[in-house]
PDB file of N, CA and C in Angstrom:
ATOM      1  N   MET A   1      18.675  67.276  26.859  1.00  0.00           N
ATOM      2  CA  MET A   1      17.242  67.559  26.309  1.00  0.00           C
ATOM      3  C   MET A   1      16.719  67.799  28.137  1.00  0.00           C
ATOM      4  N   ALA A   2      17.422  67.016  28.834  1.00  0.00           N
ATOM      5  CA  ALA A   2      16.434  67.555  30.761  1.00  0.00           C
ATOM      6  C   ALA A   2      17.102  69.152  30.271  1.00  0.00           C
ATOM      7  N   ALA A   3      18.286  69.303  29.980  1.00  0.00           N
ATOM      8  CA  ALA A   3      18.360  71.143  30.459  1.00  0.00           C
ATOM      9  C   ALA A   3      17.470  71.631  29.570  1.00  0.00           C
ATOM     10  N   ILE A   4      16.959  71.284  27.986  1.00  0.00           N
ATOM     11  CA  ILE A   4      16.073  72.060  27.780  1.00  0.00           C
ATOM     12  C   ILE A   4      15.333  72.166  28.304  1.00  0.00           C
ATOM     13  N   VAL A   5      14.454  71.308  29.149  1.00  0.00           N
ATOM     14  CA  VAL A   5      13.114  71.149  29.942  1.00  0.00           C
ATOM     15  C   VAL A   5      12.978  72.036  31.203  1.00  0.00           C
ATOM     16  N   ILE A   6      14.697  72.061  31.741  1.00  0.00           N
ATOM     17  CA  ILE A   6      14.856  72.776  32.725  1.00  0.00           C
ATOM     18  C   ILE A   6      14.263  74.459  32.165  1.00  0.00           C
ATOM     19  N   SER A   7      14.844  74.393  31.246  1.00  0.00           N
ATOM     20  CA  SER A   7      15.332  76.005  30.737  1.00  0.00           C
ATOM     21  C   SER A   7      14.085  76.463  30.678  1.00  0.00           C
ATOM     22  N   VAL A   8      13.366  75.913  30.142  1.00  0.00           N
ATOM     23  CA  VAL A   8      11.825  75.566  29.200  1.00  0.00           C
ATOM     24  C   VAL A   8      11.039  76.459  30.430  1.00  0.00           C
ATOM     25  N   LEU A   9      11.012  75.471  31.568  1.00  0.00           N
ATOM     26  CA  LEU A   9       9.823  75.806  33.190  1.00  0.00           C
ATOM     27  C   LEU A   9      10.626  76.881  33.891  1.00  0.00           C
ATOM     28  N   GLN A  10      12.202  77.010  33.352  1.00  0.00           N
ATOM     29  CA  GLN A  10      12.232  78.340  34.321  1.00  0.00           C
ATOM     30  C   GLN A  10      11.720  79.519  33.447  1.00  0.00           C
ATOM     31  N   LEU A  11      12.094  79.179  32.649  1.00  0.00           N
ATOM     32  CA  LEU A  11      11.851  80.708  31.763  1.00  0.00           C
ATOM     33  C   LEU A  11       9.546  80.781  32.148  1.00  0.00           C
ATOM     34  N   ALA A  12       9.308  79.490  31.856  1.00  0.00           N
ATOM     35  CA  ALA A  12       7.735  79.526  32.145  1.00  0.00           C
ATOM     36  C   ALA A  12       7.277  80.526  33.452  1.00  0.00           C
ATOM     37  N   SER A  13       8.026  79.150  34.729  1.00  0.00           N
ATOM     38  CA  SER A  13       8.268  80.296  35.874  1.00  0.00           C
ATOM     39  C   SER A  13       8.747  81.947  36.480  1.00  0.00           C
ATOM     40  N   LEU A  14       9.733  82.195  35.478  1.00  0.00           N
ATOM     41  CA  LEU A  14       9.866  83.800  35.436  1.00  0.00           C
ATOM     42  C   LEU A  14       9.244  84.137  34.636  1.00  0.00           C
ATOM     43  N   ALA A  15       8.442  84.527  33.759  1.00  0.00           N
ATOM     44  CA  ALA A  15       7.426  85.043  32.856  1.00  0.00           C
ATOM     45  C   ALA A  15       5.760  84.701  33.698  1.00  0.00           C
ATOM     46  N   LEU A  16       6.075  83.925  34.995  1.00  0.00           N
ATOM     47  CA  LEU A  16       4.214  83.781  36.135  1.00  0.00           C
ATOM     48  C   LEU A  16       4.284  85.122  37.134  1.00  0.00           C
ATOM     49  N   VAL A  17       5.985  84.953  37.290  1.00  0.00           N
ATOM     50  CA  VAL A  17       6.423  85.928  38.202  1.00  0.00           C
ATOM     51  C   VAL A  17       6.315  87.304  37.955  1.00  0.00           C
ATOM     52  N   ALA A  18       6.636  87.500  36.942  1.00  0.00           N
ATOM     53  CA  ALA A  18       6.476  88.715  35.893  1.00  0.00           C
ATOM     54  C   ALA A  18       5.091  89.245  35.665  1.00  0.00           C
ATOM     55  N   ARG A  19       4.455  88.166  35.320  1.00  0.00           N
ATOM     56  CA  ARG A  19       2.837  88.309  35.663  1.00  0.00           C
ATOM     57  C   ARG A  19       2.247  88.821  36.970  1.00  0.00           C
ATOM     58  N   ALA A  20       3.088  88.289  37.829  1.00  0.00           N
ATOM     59  CA  ALA A  20       2.381  88.812  39.541  1.00  0.00           C
ATOM     60  C   ALA A  20       2.597  89.924  39.486  1.00  0.00           C
ATOM     61  N   LEU A  21       4.053  90.079  39.531  1.00  0.00           N
ATOM     62  CA  LEU A  21       4.431  91.033  39.836  1.00  0.00           C
ATOM     63  C   LEU A  21       3.723  92.356  38.814  1.00  0.00           C
ATOM     64  N   LEU A  22       3.912  92.453  38.261  1.00  0.00           N
ATOM     65  CA  LEU A  22       3.544  93.311  37.098  1.00  0.00           C
ATOM     66  C   LEU A  22       1.602  94.040  37.444  1.00  0.00           C
ATOM     67  N   SER A  23       1.023  92.888  37.983  1.00  0.00           N
ATOM     68  CA  SER A  23      -0.133  93.452  38.332  1.00  0.00           C
ATOM     69  C   SER A  23      -0.482  94.259  39.437  1.00  0.00           C
ATOM     70  N   TRP A  24       0.753  94.550  40.090  1.00  0.00           N
ATOM     71  CA  TRP A  24       0.602  95.234  40.858  1.00  0.00           C
ATOM     72  C   TRP A  24       0.529  96.724  40.619  1.00  0.00           C
ATOM     73  N   PHE A  25       1.139  96.569  40.135  1.00  0.00           N
ATOM     74  CA  PHE A  25       1.214  98.107  38.758  1.00  0.00           C
ATOM     75  C   PHE A  25       0.169  98.953  38.018  1.00  0.00           C
ATOM     76  N   ARG A  26      -0.504 100.021  37.826  1.00  0.00           N
ATOM     77  CA  ARG A  26      -1.097 100.259  36.845  1.00  0.00           C
ATOM     78  C   ARG A  26      -0.833 100.982  35.450  1.00  0.00           C
ATOM     79  N   ALA A  27      -1.280 100.186  34.474  1.00  0.00           N
ATOM     80  CA  ALA A  27      -0.429 101.308  33.489  1.00  0.00           C
ATOM     81  C   ALA A  27      -1.627 101.627  32.099  1.00  0.00           C
ATOM     82  N   ARG A  28      -0.876 102.767  32.338  1.00  0.00           N
ATOM     83  CA  ARG A  28      -1.665 103.912  31.411  1.00  0.00           C
ATOM     84  C   ARG A  28      -1.761 103.359  29.886  1.00  0.00           C
ATOM     85  N   PRO A  29      -2.575 103.209  29.250  1.00  0.00           N
ATOM     86  CA  PRO A  29      -3.233 103.386  27.619  1.00  0.00           C
ATOM     87  C   PRO A  29      -1.805 103.856  26.707  1.00  0.00           C
ATOM     88  N   GLY A  30      -1.469 102.475  26.076  1.00  0.00           N
ATOM     89  CA  GLY A  30      -0.693 103.268  25.277  1.00  0.00           C
ATOM     90  C   GLY A  30       1.094 103.243  25.737  1.00  0.00           C
ATOM     91  N   SER A  31       0.896 102.687  26.884  1.00  0.00           N
ATOM     92  CA  SER A  31       2.303 103.029  27.666  1.00  0.00           C
ATOM     93  C   SER A  31       3.277 101.761  27.170  1.00  0.00           C
ATOM     94  N   THR A  32       4.799 101.990  27.595  1.00  0.00           N
ATOM     95  CA  THR A  32       5.364 100.665  27.274  1.00  0.00           C
ATOM     96  C   THR A  32       5.007  99.638  28.644  1.00  0.00           C
ATOM     97  N   LEU A  33       4.860 100.172  29.473  1.00  0.00           N
ATOM     98  CA  LEU A  33       4.673  99.129  30.575  1.00  0.00           C
ATOM     99  C   LEU A  33       3.639  98.532  29.867  1.00  0.00           C
ATOM    100  N   GLU A  34       2.169  99.125  29.617  1.00  0.00           N
ATOM    101  CA  GLU A  34       1.150  98.359  29.432  1.00  0.00           C
ATOM    102  C   GLU A  34       0.849  97.135  28.140  1.00  0.00           C
ATOM    103  N   GLY A  35       2.042  97.471  27.316  1.00  0.00           N
ATOM    104  CA  GLY A  35       2.545  96.486  26.203  1.00  0.00           C
ATOM    105  C   GLY A  35       3.125  95.462  26.706  1.00  0.00           C
ATOM    106  N   VAL A  36       3.962  95.326  27.250  1.00  0.00           N
ATOM    107  CA  VAL A  36       4.531  94.343  28.105  1.00  0.00           C
ATOM    108  C   VAL A  36       3.613  93.506  29.280  1.00  0.00           C
ATOM    109  N   LYS A  37       2.830  94.127  29.980  1.00  0.00           N
ATOM    110  CA  LYS A  37       1.326  93.627  30.699  1.00  0.00           C
ATOM    111  C   LYS A  37       0.960  92.073  29.719  1.00  0.00           C
ATOM    112  N   ARG A  38       0.731  93.242  29.209  1.00  0.00           N
ATOM    113  CA  ARG A  38      -0.274  92.603  27.024  1.00  0.00           C
ATOM    114  C   ARG A  38      -0.171  90.894  27.294  1.00  0.00           C
ATOM    115  N   SER A  39       1.877  91.739  26.629  1.00  0.00           N
ATOM    116  CA  SER A  39       2.613  90.563  26.339  1.00  0.00           C
ATOM    117  C   SER A  39       2.225  88.901  26.907  1.00  0.00           C
ATOM    118  N   ILE A  40       2.920  89.239  28.414  1.00  0.00           N
ATOM    119  CA  ILE A  40       2.835  88.390  29.188  1.00  0.00           C
ATOM    120  C   ILE A  40       1.036  87.676  29.844  1.00  0.00           C
ATOM    121  N   ASP A  41       0.513  88.636  29.828  1.00  0.00           N
ATOM    122  CA  ASP A  41      -0.493  88.012  30.028  1.00  0.00           C
ATOM    123  C   ASP A  41      -0.845  86.755  28.593  1.00  0.00           C
ATOM    124  N   ARG A  42      -0.859  87.768  27.545  1.00  0.00           N
ATOM    125  CA  ARG A  42      -1.120  87.211  26.240  1.00  0.00           C
ATOM    126  C   ARG A  42      -0.187  84.954  26.675  1.00  0.00           C
ATOM    127  N   VAL A  43       1.013  85.268  27.119  1.00  0.00           N
ATOM    128  CA  VAL A  43       1.624  84.049  27.415  1.00  0.00           C
ATOM    129  C   VAL A  43       1.150  82.879  27.994  1.00  0.00           C
ATOM    130  N   THR A  44       0.512  83.864  29.076  1.00  0.00           N
ATOM    131  CA  THR A  44       0.538  82.904  30.726  1.00  0.00           C
ATOM    132  C   THR A  44      -0.976  82.349  30.670  1.00  0.00           C
ATOM    133  N   ASP A  45      -1.768  83.403  29.721  1.00  0.00           N
ATOM    134  CA  ASP A  45      -3.301  82.948  30.672  1.00  0.00           C
ATOM    135  C   ASP A  45      -3.595  81.491  29.118  1.00  0.00           C
ATOM    136  N   PRO A  46      -2.913  80.898  28.863  1.00  0.00           N
ATOM    137  CA  PRO A  46      -3.813  79.621  28.078  1.00  0.00           C
ATOM    138  C   PRO A  46      -3.169  78.344  29.792  1.00  0.00           C
ATOM    139  N   VAL A  47      -2.092  79.154  30.812  1.00  0.00           N
ATOM    140  CA  VAL A  47      -1.767  77.860  31.482  1.00  0.00           C
ATOM    141  C   VAL A  47      -2.822  78.164  32.623  1.00  0.00           C
ATOM    142  N   VAL A  48      -2.714  79.911  32.705  1.00  0.00           N
ATOM    143  CA  VAL A  48      -3.917  81.033  34.300  1.00  0.00           C
ATOM    144  C   VAL A  48      -4.863  80.693  34.197  1.00  0.00           C
ATOM    145  N   VAL A  49      -5.380  80.701  33.284  1.00  0.00           N
ATOM    146  CA  VAL A  49      -7.021  81.060  33.076  1.00  0.00           C
ATOM    147  C   VAL A  49      -7.827  79.623  33.982  1.00  0.00           C
ATOM    148  N   PRO A  50      -7.538  78.243  33.392  1.00  0.00           N
ATOM    149  CA  PRO A  50      -7.835  77.233  33.772  1.00  0.00           C
ATOM    150  C   PRO A  50      -7.531  76.757  35.125  1.00  0.00           C
ATOM    151  N   VAL A  51      -6.454  77.348  35.422  1.00  0.00           N
ATOM    152  CA  VAL A  51      -6.111  76.591  36.974  1.00  0.00           C
ATOM    153  C   VAL A  51      -7.405  77.978  38.162  1.00  0.00           C
ATOM    154  N   ARG A  52      -7.314  78.953  37.583  1.00  0.00           N
ATOM    155  CA  ARG A  52      -8.395  79.781  38.289  1.00  0.00           C
ATOM    156  C   ARG A  52      -9.271  79.449  38.426  1.00  0.00           C
ATOM    157  N   ARG A  53      -9.475  79.263  37.146  1.00  0.00           N
ATOM    158  CA  ARG A  53     -11.256  78.519  37.313  1.00  0.00           C
ATOM    159  C   ARG A  53     -11.422  77.415  38.418  1.00  0.00           C
ATOM    160  N   ARG A  54     -10.497  76.777  38.143  1.00  0.00           N
ATOM    161  CA  ARG A  54     -10.460  75.587  39.045  1.00  0.00           C
ATOM    162  C   ARG A  54     -10.417  75.787  40.684  1.00  0.00           C
ATOM    163  N   LEU A  55      -9.839  76.923  41.083  1.00  0.00           N
ATOM    164  CA  LEU A  55      -9.009  77.344  42.492  1.00  0.00           C
ATOM    165  C   LEU A  55     -10.565  77.415  42.993  1.00  0.00           C
ATOM    166  N   PRO A  56     -10.774  77.717  44.039  1.00  0.00           N
ATOM    167  CA  PRO A  56     -11.639  78.606  45.005  1.00  0.00           C
ATOM    168  C   PRO A  56     -11.451  79.931  45.113  1.00  0.00           C
ATOM    169  N   SER A  57     -12.384  81.178  45.855  1.00  0.00           N
ATOM    170  CA  SER A  57     -12.154  82.068  45.599  1.00  0.00           C
ATOM    171  C   SER A  57     -11.557  82.411  47.226  1.00  0.00           C
ATOM    172  N   PHE A  58     -10.526  83.310  47.798  1.00  0.00           N
ATOM    173  CA  PHE A  58      -9.891  83.348  48.609  1.00  0.00           C
ATOM    174  C   PHE A  58     -10.166  84.333  48.813  1.00  0.00           C
ATOM    175  N   GLY A  59     -11.477  85.684  48.779  1.00  0.00           N
ATOM    176  CA  GLY A  59     -11.180  86.665  49.131  1.00  0.00           C
ATOM    177  C   GLY A  59     -10.787  87.809  47.923  1.00  0.00           C
ATOM    178  N   GLY A  60     -10.587  87.418  46.578  1.00  0.00           N
ATOM    179  CA  GLY A  60     -10.249  88.335  46.114  1.00  0.00           C
ATOM    180  C   GLY A  60      -8.653  88.287  45.358  1.00  0.00           C
ATOM    181  N   ILE A  61      -8.270  87.518  46.578  1.00  0.00           N
ATOM    182  CA  ILE A  61      -6.892  86.820  46.293  1.00  0.00           C
ATOM    183  C   ILE A  61      -7.119  85.946  45.444  1.00  0.00           C
ATOM    184  N   ASP A  62      -6.014  86.291  44.299  1.00  0.00           N
ATOM    185  CA  ASP A  62      -5.641  84.952  43.244  1.00  0.00           C
ATOM    186  C   ASP A  62      -4.300  84.543  43.210  1.00  0.00           C
ATOM    187  N   PHE A  63      -4.588  83.189  43.840  1.00  0.00           N
ATOM    188  CA  PHE A  63      -3.503  82.521  43.839  1.00  0.00           C
ATOM    189  C   PHE A  63      -3.076  81.224  42.667  1.00  0.00           C
ATOM    190  N   SER A  64      -3.409  81.664  42.033  1.00  0.00           N
ATOM    191  CA  SER A  64      -3.532  80.796  40.357  1.00  0.00           C
ATOM    192  C   SER A  64      -1.723  80.324  40.250  1.00  0.00           C
ATOM    193  N   VAL A  65      -1.278  82.163  40.282  1.00  0.00           N
ATOM    194  CA  VAL A  65       0.224  82.486  39.683  1.00  0.00           C
ATOM    195  C   VAL A  65       1.291  81.022  40.384  1.00  0.00           C
ATOM    196  N   MET A  66       0.579  81.263  42.088  1.00  0.00           N
ATOM    197  CA  MET A  66       1.332  80.739  42.735  1.00  0.00           C
ATOM    198  C   MET A  66       1.460  79.234  43.097  1.00  0.00           C
ATOM    199  N   ALA A  67      -0.243  78.866  42.694  1.00  0.00           N
ATOM    200  CA  ALA A  67      -0.070  77.419  42.126  1.00  0.00           C
ATOM    201  C   ALA A  67       0.753  76.668  41.266  1.00  0.00           C
ATOM    202  N   ILE A  68       0.584  77.384  40.422  1.00  0.00           N
ATOM    203  CA  ILE A  68       1.589  76.751  38.607  1.00  0.00           C
ATOM    204  C   ILE A  68       3.088  77.206  39.406  1.00  0.00           C
ATOM    205  N   VAL A  69       2.999  78.545  40.026  1.00  0.00           N
ATOM    206  CA  VAL A  69       4.843  77.989  39.981  1.00  0.00           C
ATOM    207  C   VAL A  69       5.218  76.976  41.295  1.00  0.00           C
ATOM    208  N   LEU A  70       4.535  76.704  41.760  1.00  0.00           N
ATOM    209  CA  LEU A  70       5.168  75.856  42.567  1.00  0.00           C
ATOM    210  C   LEU A  70       4.390  74.096  42.130  1.00  0.00           C
ATOM    211  N   ALA A  71       3.931  73.904  40.795  1.00  0.00           N
ATOM    212  CA  ALA A  71       3.523  72.928  40.212  1.00  0.00           C
ATOM    213  C   ALA A  71       4.991  73.162  39.796  1.00  0.00           C
ATOM    214  N   ILE A  72       5.426  73.858  38.998  1.00  0.00           N
ATOM    215  CA  ILE A  72       6.426  74.021  37.874  1.00  0.00           C
ATOM    216  C   ILE A  72       8.083  73.583  38.801  1.00  0.00           C
ATOM    217  N   ASN A  73       8.138  74.032  40.337  1.00  0.00           N
ATOM    218  CA  ASN A  73       9.258  73.870  40.864  1.00  0.00           C
ATOM    219  C   ASN A  73       8.872  72.223  41.533  1.00  0.00           C
ATOM    220  N   PHE A  74       8.200  71.598  41.348  1.00  0.00           N
ATOM    221  CA  PHE A  74       8.049  70.120  41.847  1.00  0.00           C
ATOM    222  C   PHE A  74       8.100  69.662  40.386  1.00  0.00           C
ATOM    223  N   LEU A  75       7.440  70.143  39.362  1.00  0.00           N
ATOM    224  CA  LEU A  75       8.368  69.107  37.792  1.00  0.00           C
ATOM    225  C   LEU A  75       9.684  69.302  38.199  1.00  0.00           C
ATOM    226  N   LEU A  76      10.817  69.889  38.483  1.00  0.00           N
ATOM    227  CA  LEU A  76      12.293  70.485  37.906  1.00  0.00           C
ATOM    228  C   LEU A  76      12.728  69.739  38.569  1.00  0.00           C
ATOM    229  N   ILE A  77      12.526  68.974  40.191  1.00  0.00           N
ATOM    230  CA  ILE A  77      13.043  68.366  40.966  1.00  0.00           C
ATOM    231  C   ILE A  77      13.295  67.115  40.182  1.00  0.00           C
ATOM    232  N   PRO A  78      12.199  66.569  39.818  1.00  0.00           N
ATOM    233  CA  PRO A  78      12.808  64.992  39.131  1.00  0.00           C
ATOM    234  C   PRO A  78      13.755  65.170  38.046  1.00  0.00           C
ATOM    235  N   VAL A  79      13.502  66.352  37.229  1.00  0.00           N
ATOM    236  CA  VAL A  79      14.237  66.839  35.635  1.00  0.00           C
ATOM    237  C   VAL A  79      14.896  66.861  36.322  1.00  0.00           C
ATOM    238  N   ALA A  80      14.997  67.514  37.221  1.00  0.00           N
ATOM    239  CA  ALA A  80      17.087  68.387  37.968  1.00  0.00           C
ATOM    240  C   ALA A  80      17.660  66.765  38.230  1.00  0.00           C
ATOM    241  N   ALA A  81      17.194  65.797  38.228  1.00  0.00           N
ATOM    242  CA  ALA A  81      18.062  64.671  39.275  1.00  0.00           C
ATOM    243  C   ALA A  81      18.275  63.930  38.029  1.00  0.00           C
ATOM    244  N   THR A  82      17.809  64.200  36.823  1.00  0.00           N
ATOM    245  CA  THR A  82      18.410  62.882  35.321  1.00  0.00           C
ATOM    246  C   THR A  82      19.568  63.830  35.131  1.00  0.00           C
ATOM    247  N   LEU A  83      19.858  64.761  35.454  1.00  0.00           N
ATOM    248  CA  LEU A  83      21.109  65.316  35.426  1.00  0.00           C
ATOM    249  C   LEU A  83      22.254  64.890  36.092  1.00  0.00           C
TER     250      LEU A  83
END
C-alpha cells in the first residue's frame, strides 16, 4: 500500500514540475504544446489554485507549485520509512 502512495505522490510531484517548466514557454493556439499544458493544468489546478490564493504575492512570482512539491516531499518521508 505504501508503494502505491509513494507512486501517486511522485507522479503528482512530476506533474507539478512539468507545469512549472511548461509555464516558461508560449504555446501557439492549437499546438500540441498547448494541449499538453492545458491537460496538466486541468489535473493540477485543484491543488494549485487554493494554495495560490493563500500564499502572499511575491512580486509576480508564483511559489505555489514549489510549496506543494515541498509538502509532497515532506509527506514522502514518513511513507517511505514504512517500507
